[in-house]
């Protein structure tokens, strides 16, 4: 199964009012078909560009859990990270 991409589009609705938005779809043709079914005459449809700072997977806190000990207080109110610092 193909990955759904996000497409930005702009066009006019049945009443002639300008509309724009984002739609998920497998391809440019499928997004245009979805918009036609909704009564939108698409003037431009383009794939949404990725952010300059997205280099793959997003930061996941669980990914770093093994490398950093938890920060908190023990039963007596002392910092559990204080002895390391």
PDB file of N, CA and C in Angstrom:
ATOM      1  N   UNK A   1       0.839  -1.174   0.000  1.00  0.00           N
ATOM      2  CA  UNK A   1       0.000   0.000   0.000  1.00  0.00           C
ATOM      3  C   UNK A   1       0.889   1.245   0.000  1.00  0.00           C
ATOM      4  N   UNK A   2       0.509   2.223  -0.793  1.00  0.00           N
ATOM      5  CA  UNK A   2       1.301   3.445  -0.899  1.00  0.00           C
ATOM      6  C   UNK A   2       1.094   4.330   0.323  1.00  0.00           C
ATOM      7  N   UNK A   3       2.124   5.070   0.623  1.00  0.00           N
ATOM      8  CA  UNK A   3       2.065   5.988   1.755  1.00  0.00           C
ATOM      9  C   UNK A   3       1.239   7.213   1.372  1.00  0.00           C
ATOM     10  N   UNK A   4       0.340   7.638   2.266  1.00  0.00           N
ATOM     11  CA  UNK A   4      -0.448   8.837   2.004  1.00  0.00           C
ATOM     12  C   UNK A   4       0.433  10.063   2.161  1.00  0.00           C
ATOM     13  N   UNK A   5       0.342  10.943   1.185  1.00  0.00           N
ATOM     14  CA  UNK A   5       1.085  12.191   1.207  1.00  0.00           C
ATOM     15  C   UNK A   5       0.118  13.326   1.489  1.00  0.00           C
ATOM     16  N   UNK A   6       0.637  14.469   1.891  1.00  0.00           N
ATOM     17  CA  UNK A   6      -0.195  15.641   2.132  1.00  0.00           C
ATOM     18  C   UNK A   6      -0.012  16.599   0.966  1.00  0.00           C
ATOM     19  N   UNK A   7      -1.129  17.042   0.389  1.00  0.00           N
ATOM     20  CA  UNK A   7      -1.115  17.963  -0.738  1.00  0.00           C
ATOM     21  C   UNK A   7      -1.791  19.267  -0.347  1.00  0.00           C
ATOM     22  N   UNK A   8      -1.183  20.387  -0.735  1.00  0.00           N
ATOM     23  CA  UNK A   8      -1.786  21.700  -0.547  1.00  0.00           C
ATOM     24  C   UNK A   8      -2.507  22.060  -1.842  1.00  0.00           C
ATOM     25  N   UNK A   9      -3.695  22.612  -1.735  1.00  0.00           N
ATOM     26  CA  UNK A   9      -4.445  22.953  -2.921  1.00  0.00           C
ATOM     27  C   UNK A   9      -5.157  24.292  -2.741  1.00  0.00           C
ATOM     28  N   UNK A  10      -5.510  24.893  -3.878  1.00  0.00           N
ATOM     29  CA  UNK A  10      -6.334  26.093  -3.873  1.00  0.00           C
ATOM     30  C   UNK A  10      -7.209  26.050  -5.125  1.00  0.00           C
ATOM     31  N   UNK A  11      -8.359  26.647  -5.015  1.00  0.00           N
ATOM     32  CA  UNK A  11      -9.297  26.634  -6.131  1.00  0.00           C
ATOM     33  C   UNK A  11     -10.567  27.374  -5.768  1.00  0.00           C
ATOM     34  N   UNK A  12     -11.646  27.041  -6.472  1.00  0.00           N
ATOM     35  CA  UNK A  12     -12.939  27.669  -6.221  1.00  0.00           C
ATOM     36  C   UNK A  12     -13.988  26.596  -5.985  1.00  0.00           C
ATOM     37  N   UNK A  13     -14.965  26.916  -5.133  1.00  0.00           N
ATOM     38  CA  UNK A  13     -16.049  25.969  -4.890  1.00  0.00           C
ATOM     39  C   UNK A  13     -17.168  26.207  -5.895  1.00  0.00           C
ATOM     40  N   UNK A  14     -18.285  25.514  -5.734  1.00  0.00           N
ATOM     41  CA  UNK A  14     -19.397  25.612  -6.687  1.00  0.00           C
ATOM     42  C   UNK A  14     -19.982  27.019  -6.768  1.00  0.00           C
ATOM     43  N   UNK A  15     -19.897  27.759  -5.665  1.00  0.00           N
ATOM     44  CA  UNK A  15     -20.441  29.117  -5.630  1.00  0.00           C
ATOM     45  C   UNK A  15     -19.461  30.144  -6.190  1.00  0.00           C
ATOM     46  N   UNK A  16     -18.246  29.730  -6.537  1.00  0.00           N
ATOM     47  CA  UNK A  16     -17.248  30.636  -7.073  1.00  0.00           C
ATOM     48  C   UNK A  16     -16.374  31.278  -6.010  1.00  0.00           C
ATOM     49  N   UNK A  17     -16.543  30.859  -4.770  1.00  0.00           N
ATOM     50  CA  UNK A  17     -15.760  31.396  -3.660  1.00  0.00           C
ATOM     51  C   UNK A  17     -14.380  30.732  -3.631  1.00  0.00           C
ATOM     52  N   UNK A  18     -13.307  31.527  -3.401  1.00  0.00           N
ATOM     53  CA  UNK A  18     -11.963  30.979  -3.337  1.00  0.00           C
ATOM     54  C   UNK A  18     -11.793  30.165  -2.058  1.00  0.00           C
ATOM     55  N   UNK A  19     -11.235  28.970  -2.209  1.00  0.00           N
ATOM     56  CA  UNK A  19     -10.992  28.085  -1.075  1.00  0.00           C
ATOM     57  C   UNK A  19      -9.598  27.487  -1.223  1.00  0.00           C
ATOM     58  N   UNK A  20      -9.014  27.085  -0.094  1.00  0.00           N
ATOM     59  CA  UNK A  20      -7.720  26.410  -0.121  1.00  0.00           C
ATOM     60  C   UNK A  20      -7.636  25.498   1.090  1.00  0.00           C
ATOM     61  N   UNK A  21      -6.696  24.565   1.042  1.00  0.00           N
ATOM     62  CA  UNK A  21      -6.552  23.657   2.170  1.00  0.00           C
ATOM     63  C   UNK A  21      -5.534  22.577   1.912  1.00  0.00           C
ATOM     64  N   UNK A  22      -5.581  21.554   2.740  1.00  0.00           N
ATOM     65  CA  UNK A  22      -4.692  20.404   2.646  1.00  0.00           C
ATOM     66  C   UNK A  22      -5.528  19.140   2.605  1.00  0.00           C
ATOM     67  N   UNK A  23      -5.070  18.168   1.818  1.00  0.00           N
ATOM     68  CA  UNK A  23      -5.770  16.893   1.702  1.00  0.00           C
ATOM     69  C   UNK A  23      -4.746  15.779   1.616  1.00  0.00           C
ATOM     70  N   UNK A  24      -5.035  14.653   2.268  1.00  0.00           N
ATOM     71  CA  UNK A  24      -4.171  13.473   2.185  1.00  0.00           C
ATOM     72  C   UNK A  24      -4.609  12.628   1.002  1.00  0.00           C
ATOM     73  N   UNK A  25      -3.617  12.054   0.317  1.00  0.00           N
ATOM     74  CA  UNK A  25      -3.919  11.174  -0.796  1.00  0.00           C
ATOM     75  C   UNK A  25      -2.685  10.414  -1.224  1.00  0.00           C
ATOM     76  N   UNK A  26      -2.907   9.374  -2.024  1.00  0.00           N
ATOM     77  CA  UNK A  26      -1.802   8.540  -2.483  1.00  0.00           C
ATOM     78  C   UNK A  26      -1.056   9.194  -3.639  1.00  0.00           C
ATOM     79  N   UNK A  27      -1.755  10.012  -4.434  1.00  0.00           N
ATOM     80  CA  UNK A  27      -1.110  10.642  -5.582  1.00  0.00           C
ATOM     81  C   UNK A  27      -1.819  11.951  -5.907  1.00  0.00           C
ATOM     82  N   UNK A  28      -1.220  12.709  -6.817  1.00  0.00           N
ATOM     83  CA  UNK A  28      -1.787  13.974  -7.250  1.00  0.00           C
ATOM     84  C   UNK A  28      -3.152  13.753  -7.913  1.00  0.00           C
ATOM     85  N   UNK A  29      -3.255  12.721  -8.735  1.00  0.00           N
ATOM     86  CA  UNK A  29      -4.513  12.433  -9.433  1.00  0.00           C
ATOM     87  C   UNK A  29      -5.625  12.066  -8.448  1.00  0.00           C
ATOM     88  N   UNK A  30      -5.301  11.309  -7.412  1.00  0.00           N
ATOM     89  CA  UNK A  30      -6.333  10.917  -6.456  1.00  0.00           C
ATOM     90  C   UNK A  30      -6.834  12.123  -5.656  1.00  0.00           C
ATOM     91  N   UNK A  31      -5.938  13.056  -5.335  1.00  0.00           N
ATOM     92  CA  UNK A  31      -6.356  14.257  -4.607  1.00  0.00           C
ATOM     93  C   UNK A  31      -7.246  15.125  -5.487  1.00  0.00           C
ATOM     94  N   UNK A  32      -6.899  15.259  -6.762  1.00  0.00           N
ATOM     95  CA  UNK A  32      -7.743  16.033  -7.680  1.00  0.00           C
ATOM     96  C   UNK A  32      -9.132  15.402  -7.805  1.00  0.00           C
ATOM     97  N   UNK A  33      -9.185  14.067  -7.816  1.00  0.00           N
ATOM     98  CA  UNK A  33     -10.476  13.384  -7.898  1.00  0.00           C
ATOM     99  C   UNK A  33     -11.307  13.627  -6.639  1.00  0.00           C
ATOM    100  N   UNK A  34     -10.657  13.610  -5.468  1.00  0.00           N
ATOM    101  CA  UNK A  34     -11.355  13.872  -4.202  1.00  0.00           C
ATOM    102  C   UNK A  34     -11.941  15.277  -4.213  1.00  0.00           C
ATOM    103  N   UNK A  35     -11.152  16.242  -4.676  1.00  0.00           N
ATOM    104  CA  UNK A  35     -11.624  17.628  -4.715  1.00  0.00           C
ATOM    105  C   UNK A  35     -12.783  17.797  -5.698  1.00  0.00           C
ATOM    106  N   UNK A  36     -12.719  17.118  -6.844  1.00  0.00           N
ATOM    107  CA  UNK A  36     -13.831  17.192  -7.813  1.00  0.00           C
ATOM    108  C   UNK A  36     -15.112  16.650  -7.209  1.00  0.00           C
ATOM    109  N   UNK A  37     -15.004  15.547  -6.451  1.00  0.00           N
ATOM    110  CA  UNK A  37     -16.190  14.973  -5.808  1.00  0.00           C
ATOM    111  C   UNK A  37     -16.794  15.924  -4.790  1.00  0.00           C
ATOM    112  N   UNK A  38     -15.939  16.775  -4.181  1.00  0.00           N
ATOM    113  CA  UNK A  38     -16.419  17.752  -3.209  1.00  0.00           C
ATOM    114  C   UNK A  38     -16.924  19.031  -3.884  1.00  0.00           C
ATOM    115  N   UNK A  39     -16.839  19.100  -5.206  1.00  0.00           N
ATOM    116  CA  UNK A  39     -17.321  20.274  -5.922  1.00  0.00           C
ATOM    117  C   UNK A  39     -16.318  21.410  -5.957  1.00  0.00           C
ATOM    118  N   UNK A  40     -15.056  21.102  -5.849  1.00  0.00           N
ATOM    119  CA  UNK A  40     -14.013  22.128  -5.856  1.00  0.00           C
ATOM    120  C   UNK A  40     -13.251  22.042  -7.170  1.00  0.00           C
ATOM    121  N   UNK A  41     -13.167  23.176  -7.857  1.00  0.00           N
ATOM    122  CA  UNK A  41     -12.388  23.267  -9.087  1.00  0.00           C
ATOM    123  C   UNK A  41     -10.971  23.680  -8.694  1.00  0.00           C
ATOM    124  N   UNK A  42     -10.062  22.715  -8.660  1.00  0.00           N
ATOM    125  CA  UNK A  42      -8.706  22.955  -8.175  1.00  0.00           C
ATOM    126  C   UNK A  42      -7.890  23.690  -9.231  1.00  0.00           C
ATOM    127  N   UNK A  43      -7.339  24.838  -8.841  1.00  0.00           N
ATOM    128  CA  UNK A  43      -6.458  25.586  -9.742  1.00  0.00           C
ATOM    129  C   UNK A  43      -5.011  25.168  -9.553  1.00  0.00           C
ATOM    130  N   UNK A  44      -4.615  24.870  -8.315  1.00  0.00           N
ATOM    131  CA  UNK A  44      -3.255  24.374  -8.080  1.00  0.00           C
ATOM    132  C   UNK A  44      -3.290  23.318  -6.981  1.00  0.00           C
ATOM    133  N   UNK A  45      -2.598  22.240  -7.239  1.00  0.00           N
ATOM    134  CA  UNK A  45      -2.436  21.161  -6.261  1.00  0.00           C
ATOM    135  C   UNK A  45      -0.968  20.784  -6.274  1.00  0.00           C
ATOM    136  N   UNK A  46      -0.317  20.864  -5.107  1.00  0.00           N
ATOM    137  CA  UNK A  46       1.091  20.489  -5.047  1.00  0.00           C
ATOM    138  C   UNK A  46       1.383  19.769  -3.743  1.00  0.00           C
ATOM    139  N   UNK A  47       2.389  18.907  -3.814  1.00  0.00           N
ATOM    140  CA  UNK A  47       2.781  18.138  -2.646  1.00  0.00           C
ATOM    141  C   UNK A  47       3.360  19.090  -1.611  1.00  0.00           C
ATOM    142  N   UNK A  48       2.965  18.912  -0.356  1.00  0.00           N
ATOM    143  CA  UNK A  48       3.450  19.766   0.715  1.00  0.00           C
ATOM    144  C   UNK A  48       4.925  19.498   0.937  1.00  0.00           C
ATOM    145  N   UNK A  49       5.706  20.569   1.000  1.00  0.00           N
ATOM    146  CA  UNK A  49       7.140  20.415   1.198  1.00  0.00           C
ATOM    147  C   UNK A  49       7.422  20.060   2.649  1.00  0.00           C
ATOM    148  N   UNK A  50       8.495  19.319   2.862  1.00  0.00           N
ATOM    149  CA  UNK A  50       8.892  18.944   4.213  1.00  0.00           C
ATOM    150  C   UNK A  50       9.661  20.092   4.835  1.00  0.00           C
ATOM    151  N   UNK A  51       9.652  20.140   6.122  1.00  0.00           N
ATOM    152  CA  UNK A  51      10.378  21.156   6.859  1.00  0.00           C
ATOM    153  C   UNK A  51      11.880  20.984   6.637  1.00  0.00           C
ATOM    154  N   UNK A  52      12.606  22.068   6.694  1.00  0.00           N
ATOM    155  CA  UNK A  52      14.059  21.997   6.540  1.00  0.00           C
ATOM    156  C   UNK A  52      14.714  21.220   7.665  1.00  0.00           C
ATOM    157  N   UNK A  53      14.057  21.141   8.813  1.00  0.00           N
ATOM    158  CA  UNK A  53      14.649  20.535   9.980  1.00  0.00           C
ATOM    159  C   UNK A  53      14.155  19.123  10.253  1.00  0.00           C
ATOM    160  N   UNK A  54      13.385  18.540   9.363  1.00  0.00           N
ATOM    161  CA  UNK A  54      12.929  17.163   9.579  1.00  0.00           C
ATOM    162  C   UNK A  54      13.855  16.222   8.813  1.00  0.00           C
ATOM    163  N   UNK A  55      14.641  15.465   9.545  1.00  0.00           N
ATOM    164  CA  UNK A  55      15.616  14.570   8.941  1.00  0.00           C
ATOM    165  C   UNK A  55      15.237  13.115   9.120  1.00  0.00           C
ATOM    166  N   UNK A  56      14.009  12.777   9.074  1.00  0.00           N
ATOM    167  CA  UNK A  56      13.613  11.395   9.260  1.00  0.00           C
ATOM    168  C   UNK A  56      12.583  11.287  10.355  1.00  0.00           C
ATOM    169  N   UNK A  57      12.823  10.367  11.278  1.00  0.00           N
ATOM    170  CA  UNK A  57      11.845  10.146  12.330  1.00  0.00           C
ATOM    171  C   UNK A  57      11.873  11.267  13.362  1.00  0.00           C
ATOM    172  N   UNK A  58      10.747  11.471  13.975  1.00  0.00           N
ATOM    173  CA  UNK A  58      10.627  12.515  14.978  1.00  0.00           C
ATOM    174  C   UNK A  58      11.304  12.081  16.271  1.00  0.00           C
ATOM    175  N   UNK A  59      11.626  13.053  17.116  1.00  0.00           N
ATOM    176  CA  UNK A  59      12.214  12.729  18.413  1.00  0.00           C
ATOM    177  C   UNK A  59      11.201  11.986  19.255  1.00  0.00           C
ATOM    178  N   UNK A  60      11.611  10.902  19.802  1.00  0.00           N
ATOM    179  CA  UNK A  60      10.759  10.085  20.631  1.00  0.00           C
ATOM    180  C   UNK A  60      11.444   9.954  21.996  1.00  0.00           C
ATOM    181  N   UNK A  61      10.806  10.415  23.074  1.00  0.00           N
ATOM    182  CA  UNK A  61      11.460  10.353  24.388  1.00  0.00           C
ATOM    183  C   UNK A  61      11.865   8.942  24.790  1.00  0.00           C
ATOM    184  N   UNK A  62      11.140   7.937  24.352  1.00  0.00           N
ATOM    185  CA  UNK A  62      11.480   6.559  24.706  1.00  0.00           C
ATOM    186  C   UNK A  62      12.805   6.140  24.070  1.00  0.00           C
ATOM    187  N   UNK A  63      13.179   6.794  22.998  1.00  0.00           N
ATOM    188  CA  UNK A  63      14.411   6.467  22.305  1.00  0.00           C
ATOM    189  C   UNK A  63      15.627   6.752  23.189  1.00  0.00           C
ATOM    190  N   UNK A  64      15.551   7.780  24.038  1.00  0.00           N
ATOM    191  CA  UNK A  64      16.676   8.191  24.861  1.00  0.00           C
ATOM    192  C   UNK A  64      16.593   7.672  26.296  1.00  0.00           C
ATOM    193  N   UNK A  65      15.582   6.916  26.626  1.00  0.00           N
ATOM    194  CA  UNK A  65      15.359   6.475  27.997  1.00  0.00           C
ATOM    195  C   UNK A  65      16.517   5.637  28.523  1.00  0.00           C
ATOM    196  N   UNK A  66      17.138   4.835  27.697  1.00  0.00           N
ATOM    197  CA  UNK A  66      18.218   3.956  28.153  1.00  0.00           C
ATOM    198  C   UNK A  66      19.495   4.732  28.446  1.00  0.00           C
ATOM    199  N   UNK A  67      19.656   5.900  27.883  1.00  0.00           N
ATOM    200  CA  UNK A  67      20.894   6.649  28.023  1.00  0.00           C
ATOM    201  C   UNK A  67      20.887   7.633  29.188  1.00  0.00           C
ATOM    202  N   UNK A  68      19.720   8.092  29.594  1.00  0.00           N
ATOM    203  CA  UNK A  68      19.641   9.103  30.641  1.00  0.00           C
ATOM    204  C   UNK A  68      18.829   8.574  31.820  1.00  0.00           C
ATOM    205  N   UNK A  69      19.365   8.658  33.039  1.00  0.00           N
ATOM    206  CA  UNK A  69      18.615   8.190  34.201  1.00  0.00           C
ATOM    207  C   UNK A  69      17.466   9.153  34.501  1.00  0.00           C
ATOM    208  N   UNK A  70      16.423   8.676  35.146  1.00  0.00           N
ATOM    209  CA  UNK A  70      15.300   9.549  35.471  1.00  0.00           C
ATOM    210  C   UNK A  70      15.708  10.634  36.467  1.00  0.00           C
ATOM    211  N   UNK A  71      15.112  11.799  36.347  1.00  0.00           N
ATOM    212  CA  UNK A  71      15.370  12.902  37.260  1.00  0.00           C
ATOM    213  C   UNK A  71      14.179  13.000  38.200  1.00  0.00           C
ATOM    214  N   UNK A  72      14.431  13.078  39.489  1.00  0.00           N
ATOM    215  CA  UNK A  72      13.337  13.170  40.445  1.00  0.00           C
ATOM    216  C   UNK A  72      13.861  13.199  41.854  1.00  0.00           C
ATOM    217  N   UNK A  73      12.984  12.932  42.790  1.00  0.00           N
ATOM    218  CA  UNK A  73      13.343  12.924  44.209  1.00  0.00           C
ATOM    219  C   UNK A  73      13.138  11.532  44.783  1.00  0.00           C
ATOM    220  N   UNK A  74      13.996  11.178  45.737  1.00  0.00           N
ATOM    221  CA  UNK A  74      13.802   9.903  46.415  1.00  0.00           C
ATOM    222  C   UNK A  74      12.811  10.099  47.566  1.00  0.00           C
ATOM    223  N   UNK A  75      12.678   9.105  48.418  1.00  0.00           N
ATOM    224  CA  UNK A  75      11.684   9.155  49.500  1.00  0.00           C
ATOM    225  C   UNK A  75      11.974  10.250  50.520  1.00  0.00           C
ATOM    226  N   UNK A  76      13.236  10.622  50.685  1.00  0.00           N
ATOM    227  CA  UNK A  76      13.599  11.621  51.674  1.00  0.00           C
ATOM    228  C   UNK A  76      13.690  13.033  51.091  1.00  0.00           C
ATOM    229  N   UNK A  77      13.305  13.225  49.833  1.00  0.00           N
ATOM    230  CA  UNK A  77      13.288  14.544  49.230  1.00  0.00           C
ATOM    231  C   UNK A  77      14.593  14.956  48.589  1.00  0.00           C
ATOM    232  N   UNK A  78      15.570  14.057  48.535  1.00  0.00           N
ATOM    233  CA  UNK A  78      16.844  14.383  47.908  1.00  0.00           C
ATOM    234  C   UNK A  78      16.740  14.137  46.406  1.00  0.00           C
ATOM    235  N   UNK A  79      17.472  14.904  45.646  1.00  0.00           N
ATOM    236  CA  UNK A  79      17.490  14.732  44.203  1.00  0.00           C
ATOM    237  C   UNK A  79      18.210  13.423  43.865  1.00  0.00           C
ATOM    238  N   UNK A  80      17.622  12.628  42.993  1.00  0.00           N
ATOM    239  CA  UNK A  80      18.255  11.362  42.602  1.00  0.00           C
ATOM    240  C   UNK A  80      19.356  11.587  41.604  1.00  0.00           C
ATOM    241  N   UNK A  81      19.431  12.752  41.026  1.00  0.00           N
ATOM    242  CA  UNK A  81      20.460  13.058  40.037  1.00  0.00           C
ATOM    243  C   UNK A  81      21.591  13.853  40.678  1.00  0.00           C
ATOM    244  N   UNK A  82      21.432  14.289  41.930  1.00  0.00           N
ATOM    245  CA  UNK A  82      22.396  15.156  42.595  1.00  0.00           C
ATOM    246  C   UNK A  82      23.748  14.528  42.833  1.00  0.00           C
ATOM    247  N   UNK A  83      23.789  13.217  43.082  1.00  0.00           N
ATOM    248  CA  UNK A  83      25.074  12.599  43.374  1.00  0.00           C
ATOM    249  C   UNK A  83      25.945  12.510  42.126  1.00  0.00           C
ATOM    250  N   UNK A  84      25.351  12.503  40.960  1.00  0.00           N
ATOM    251  CA  UNK A  84      26.092  12.420  39.712  1.00  0.00           C
ATOM    252  C   UNK A  84      26.672  13.779  39.353  1.00  0.00           C
ATOM    253  N   UNK A  85      25.925  14.828  39.629  1.00  0.00           N
ATOM    254  CA  UNK A  85      26.381  16.172  39.288  1.00  0.00           C
ATOM    255  C   UNK A  85      27.354  16.609  40.302  1.00  0.00           C
TER     256      UNK A  85
END
